[in-house]
């Protein structure tokens, strides 16, 4: 059987450096993420993973190197312009608005879908009402995708941690992104909840979305990620197949502390 052609590189990070007070949080890092894949980004705490996510989304700007997305150079671009290109994210900690329903939370993520202006919204013109109905319908469809539509009218803060994570993902999908950056999406979840998020990433990938997932759950990475990049002290440590990366002795030592501890932990999985 002939091999399928290699997928196009969607996100290309080349020799990126970011310093804070003279200390390089990211130092000459390289990574390529291909379209319609689930790509894992792993590494020990303090490796620079979240800093890299902030560089991709424009919250920080690199001191050196290039970040290109779908042919666009992201250097010096504002976060809203990067979002308009098709990049969105979630955060390490759940960030939902207090006092808002599940549906309302997701509707706030559909800002790029809004067509009518503030004047029309203030006056309640037909164009603004049509906008609201369209965004509401779109948000309900996103809740169906993450299997949370049955909780649409409930206050988001009353739901379980795993359910709130799914709401965050639905909200991130509101701008119809091409690339979604998930920053530790299963942190604090049990195995069943984590596996549900893993299955959701595959459903989104099959729909054409590219996913870069920062994770510490090695079982999740090996089961659901097609490619993996390992980061340590802001630098590239390993890249390739997830199982091969995790089996790398240097990765085990960096991530687990000692090689014999890593071997024991792997045997328990």
Protein backbone atom coordinates (compact mmCIF):
# COMPACT_ATOMS: atom_id res chain seq x y z
CA UNK A 1 0.00 0.00 0.00
CA UNK A 2 1.38 3.41 -0.94
CA UNK A 3 2.16 5.79 1.89
CA UNK A 4 -0.14 8.79 2.24
CA UNK A 5 1.50 12.13 1.35
CA UNK A 6 2.95 14.10 4.24
CA UNK A 7 0.64 16.80 5.51
CA UNK A 8 1.44 20.47 5.01
CA UNK A 9 3.21 22.32 7.83
CA UNK A 10 0.69 24.74 9.34
CA UNK A 11 2.77 26.16 12.21
CA UNK A 12 6.52 26.59 11.75
CA UNK A 13 8.58 27.79 14.73
CA UNK A 14 12.22 28.38 13.84
CA UNK A 15 15.04 29.28 16.25
CA UNK A 16 12.73 31.28 18.55
CA UNK A 17 14.26 33.04 21.56
CA UNK A 18 12.40 34.86 24.33
CA UNK A 19 14.27 36.46 27.22
CA UNK A 20 12.96 37.87 30.48
CA UNK A 21 15.49 39.97 32.34
CA UNK A 22 18.35 38.41 30.45
CA UNK A 23 17.16 34.83 31.14
CA UNK A 24 16.07 32.85 28.07
CA UNK A 25 12.70 31.24 28.85
CA UNK A 26 12.74 29.98 25.26
CA UNK A 27 16.16 29.51 23.68
CA UNK A 28 16.49 28.68 19.99
CA UNK A 29 13.39 26.47 19.93
CA UNK A 30 12.18 24.76 16.75
CA UNK A 31 8.94 22.92 16.03
CA UNK A 32 6.72 22.11 13.06
CA UNK A 33 3.03 21.30 13.47
CA UNK A 34 1.27 19.77 10.47
CA UNK A 35 -2.30 20.48 9.47
CA UNK A 36 -5.17 18.28 10.72
CA UNK A 37 -3.06 16.55 13.36
CA UNK A 38 -3.04 16.35 17.16
CA UNK A 39 0.49 17.39 18.16
CA UNK A 40 1.62 16.98 21.76
CA UNK A 41 3.99 19.43 23.45
CA UNK A 42 5.45 17.98 26.64
CA UNK A 43 8.21 18.75 29.11
CA UNK A 44 8.78 19.28 32.83
CA UNK A 45 7.35 22.24 34.73
CA UNK A 46 9.21 25.41 33.83
CA UNK A 47 10.30 24.08 30.44
CA UNK A 48 8.83 27.11 28.64
CA UNK A 49 5.70 25.53 27.14
CA UNK A 50 3.21 28.20 28.21
CA UNK A 51 5.66 30.94 27.23
CA UNK A 52 5.76 29.39 23.77
CA UNK A 53 1.94 29.38 23.61
CA UNK A 54 1.97 33.06 24.57
CA UNK A 55 4.47 33.76 21.77
CA UNK A 56 2.31 31.98 19.20
CA UNK A 57 -0.81 33.93 20.24
CA UNK A 58 0.94 37.32 20.36
CA UNK A 59 0.81 37.94 24.12
CA UNK A 60 4.62 38.00 23.96
CA UNK A 61 6.88 38.74 21.02
CA UNK A 62 10.04 36.76 20.34
CA UNK A 63 13.43 38.44 20.64
CA UNK A 64 14.82 36.26 17.85
CA UNK A 65 13.59 33.70 15.33
CA UNK A 66 10.38 33.36 13.35
CA UNK A 67 6.88 31.99 13.93
CA UNK A 68 4.91 31.37 10.75
CA UNK A 69 1.31 30.19 10.53
CA UNK A 70 -0.25 29.17 7.21
CA UNK A 71 2.29 31.33 5.39
CA UNK A 72 1.86 34.37 7.67
CA UNK A 73 4.69 35.78 9.80
CA UNK A 74 3.25 36.26 13.31
CA UNK A 75 6.11 38.40 14.60
CA UNK A 76 4.88 41.73 15.97
CA UNK A 77 1.24 40.93 15.17
CA UNK A 78 -1.39 41.86 17.77
CA UNK A 79 -3.30 39.01 19.49
CA UNK A 80 -6.59 39.97 17.84
CA UNK A 81 -5.00 39.89 14.39
CA UNK A 82 -3.49 36.47 15.09
CA UNK A 83 -6.91 35.25 16.25
CA UNK A 84 -8.42 36.55 13.01
CA UNK A 85 -5.93 34.40 11.06
CA UNK A 86 -7.39 31.32 12.77
CA UNK A 87 -5.51 30.65 16.02
CA UNK A 88 -7.26 30.27 19.36
CA UNK A 89 -6.38 28.81 22.76
CA UNK A 90 -7.45 27.62 26.18
CA UNK A 91 -5.56 28.21 29.43
CA UNK A 92 -4.00 26.12 32.19
CA UNK A 93 -6.64 27.31 34.65
CA UNK A 94 -10.34 27.41 33.83
CA UNK A 95 -11.31 30.95 32.85
CA UNK A 96 -15.08 31.24 32.74
CA UNK A 97 -17.21 34.31 33.45
CA UNK A 98 -19.07 34.30 36.74
CA UNK A 99 -22.86 34.49 36.59
CA UNK A 100 -23.13 33.45 32.93
CA UNK A 101 -24.84 30.38 31.53
CA UNK A 102 -23.03 27.70 29.56
CA UNK A 103 -24.53 29.04 26.32
CA UNK A 104 -23.57 32.63 27.12
CA UNK A 105 -19.99 31.55 27.84
CA UNK A 106 -19.69 30.04 24.36
CA UNK A 107 -21.36 33.02 22.69
CA UNK A 108 -18.60 35.29 24.01
CA UNK A 109 -16.13 33.30 21.91
CA UNK A 110 -17.98 34.10 18.69
CA UNK A 111 -16.84 37.73 18.49
CA UNK A 112 -15.31 37.24 15.03
CA UNK A 113 -18.72 36.09 13.77
CA UNK A 114 -20.44 39.36 14.68
CA UNK A 115 -21.44 41.41 11.61
CA UNK A 116 -23.53 44.28 13.01
CA UNK A 117 -21.95 47.27 14.73
CA UNK A 118 -22.37 48.63 18.26
CA UNK A 119 -24.90 51.23 17.06
CA UNK A 120 -27.18 48.56 15.57
CA UNK A 121 -26.87 46.45 18.72
CA UNK A 122 -27.71 49.41 20.97
CA UNK A 123 -30.86 50.21 18.98
CA UNK A 124 -31.86 46.58 18.59
CA UNK A 125 -32.02 46.85 14.81
CA UNK A 126 -33.06 43.78 12.76
CA UNK A 127 -29.45 43.20 11.66
CA UNK A 128 -28.34 43.01 15.30
CA UNK A 129 -31.19 40.64 16.22
CA UNK A 130 -30.31 38.41 13.26
CA UNK A 131 -26.68 38.48 14.41
CA UNK A 132 -27.69 37.36 17.90
CA UNK A 133 -29.79 34.46 16.57
CA UNK A 134 -27.00 33.31 14.26
CA UNK A 135 -24.40 33.41 17.04
CA UNK A 136 -26.76 31.61 19.43
CA UNK A 137 -27.39 28.85 16.90
CA UNK A 138 -23.67 28.54 16.19
CA UNK A 139 -22.92 28.34 19.93
CA UNK A 140 -25.51 25.61 20.43
CA UNK A 141 -23.91 23.62 17.60
CA UNK A 142 -20.51 23.97 19.31
CA UNK A 143 -22.02 22.74 22.58
CA UNK A 144 -23.38 19.72 20.72
CA UNK A 145 -19.88 19.01 19.40
CA UNK A 146 -18.50 18.85 22.95
CA UNK A 147 -21.63 17.06 24.21
CA UNK A 148 -22.70 19.86 26.55
CA UNK A 149 -25.82 21.18 24.78
CA UNK A 150 -28.06 19.61 27.44
CA UNK A 151 -26.48 21.96 30.02
CA UNK A 152 -26.80 25.12 27.91
CA UNK A 153 -29.03 27.07 30.30
CA UNK A 154 -27.18 26.19 33.52
CA UNK A 155 -24.68 28.43 35.25
CA UNK A 156 -21.23 27.34 34.11
CA UNK A 157 -19.73 27.65 37.61
CA UNK A 158 -22.09 24.95 38.94
CA UNK A 159 -20.69 22.28 36.60
CA UNK A 160 -17.89 19.82 37.23
CA UNK A 161 -14.29 20.67 36.41
CA UNK A 162 -14.23 18.37 33.38
CA UNK A 163 -17.46 19.87 32.04
CA UNK A 164 -16.08 23.39 32.46
CA UNK A 165 -13.03 22.37 30.43
CA UNK A 166 -15.29 21.24 27.61
CA UNK A 167 -17.14 24.55 27.74
CA UNK A 168 -13.79 26.34 27.37
CA UNK A 169 -12.99 24.28 24.30
CA UNK A 170 -16.42 25.05 22.80
CA UNK A 171 -15.84 28.75 23.44
CA UNK A 172 -12.40 28.55 21.78
CA UNK A 173 -14.08 27.00 18.74
CA UNK A 174 -16.43 29.98 18.48
CA UNK A 175 -14.10 31.90 16.18
CA UNK A 176 -13.93 28.97 13.71
CA UNK A 177 -10.17 28.51 14.15
CA UNK A 178 -7.76 26.51 12.02
CA UNK A 179 -5.40 25.87 14.96
CA UNK A 180 -6.37 25.47 18.62
CA UNK A 181 -3.78 25.52 21.39
CA UNK A 182 -4.86 23.49 24.43
CA UNK A 183 -2.77 24.35 27.50
CA UNK A 184 -2.99 21.33 29.84
CA UNK A 185 -6.65 20.60 28.99
CA UNK A 186 -6.87 17.52 31.26
CA UNK A 187 -5.13 18.92 34.35
CA UNK A 188 -7.06 17.84 37.45
CA UNK A 189 -9.22 15.33 35.56
CA UNK A 190 -9.66 11.64 36.26
CA UNK A 191 -8.76 9.13 33.55
CA UNK A 192 -12.30 8.85 32.17
CA UNK A 193 -12.60 12.64 31.81
CA UNK A 194 -9.14 12.86 30.24
CA UNK A 195 -9.97 10.15 27.71
CA UNK A 196 -13.14 12.04 26.78
CA UNK A 197 -11.01 15.09 25.96
CA UNK A 198 -8.68 12.87 23.93
CA UNK A 199 -11.58 11.51 21.89
CA UNK A 200 -12.83 15.06 21.36
CA UNK A 201 -9.45 16.11 19.92
CA UNK A 202 -9.72 13.31 17.37
CA UNK A 203 -13.22 14.39 16.39
CA UNK A 204 -11.99 17.96 15.90
CA UNK A 205 -8.99 16.75 13.92
CA UNK A 206 -11.22 14.65 11.69
CA UNK A 207 -13.23 17.80 11.01
CA UNK A 208 -10.04 19.47 9.74
CA UNK A 209 -8.82 21.28 12.85
CA UNK A 210 -5.14 21.29 13.87
CA UNK A 211 -4.47 20.87 17.60
CA UNK A 212 -1.33 21.64 19.61
CA UNK A 213 -1.82 20.16 23.07
CA UNK A 214 0.40 20.92 26.07
CA UNK A 215 0.08 17.91 28.36
CA UNK A 216 1.60 16.12 31.34
CA UNK A 217 -0.58 13.02 30.94
CA UNK A 218 1.78 10.70 29.09
CA UNK A 219 -0.90 8.07 28.53
CA UNK A 220 -3.08 10.65 26.81
CA UNK A 221 -0.20 11.84 24.63
CA UNK A 222 0.75 8.34 23.46
CA UNK A 223 -2.87 7.36 22.79
CA UNK A 224 -4.18 10.46 21.04
CA UNK A 225 -1.23 12.46 19.63
CA UNK A 226 0.21 11.63 16.23
CA UNK A 227 3.37 13.66 16.80
CA UNK A 228 5.17 14.93 19.87
CA UNK A 229 7.73 17.60 20.71
CA UNK A 230 9.62 17.61 24.00
CA UNK A 231 10.79 20.92 25.47
CA UNK A 232 13.27 21.37 28.32
CA UNK A 233 14.83 24.60 29.59
CA UNK A 234 13.29 26.39 26.61
CA UNK A 235 15.01 24.16 24.08
CA UNK A 236 14.09 21.25 21.84
CA UNK A 237 14.91 17.94 23.50
CA UNK A 238 13.16 15.44 21.19
CA UNK A 239 10.70 15.39 18.33
CA UNK A 240 8.77 12.68 16.50
CA UNK A 241 6.53 9.74 17.38
CA UNK A 242 5.14 10.12 20.96
CA UNK A 243 6.20 6.68 22.18
CA UNK A 244 9.68 7.09 20.75
CA UNK A 245 10.05 10.52 22.35
CA UNK A 246 8.91 9.34 25.78
CA UNK A 247 11.19 6.29 25.60
CA UNK A 248 14.19 8.54 24.92
CA UNK A 249 16.50 8.26 28.00
CA UNK A 250 17.24 12.01 27.96
CA UNK A 251 13.52 12.78 27.92
CA UNK A 252 12.83 10.34 30.76
CA UNK A 253 15.58 11.87 32.87
CA UNK A 254 14.41 15.41 32.19
CA UNK A 255 10.73 14.69 32.69
CA UNK A 256 10.72 12.15 35.51
CA UNK A 257 13.96 13.07 37.28
CA UNK A 258 15.76 9.73 37.20
CA UNK A 259 15.86 7.08 34.47
CA UNK A 260 14.97 4.24 36.82
CA UNK A 261 11.94 6.22 38.11
CA UNK A 262 10.83 6.78 34.53
CA UNK A 263 11.11 3.08 33.74
CA UNK A 264 9.01 2.20 36.77
CA UNK A 265 6.35 4.77 35.90
CA UNK A 266 6.16 3.57 32.29
CA UNK A 267 5.69 0.00 33.50
CA UNK A 268 2.66 1.10 35.54
CA UNK A 269 0.89 2.65 32.55
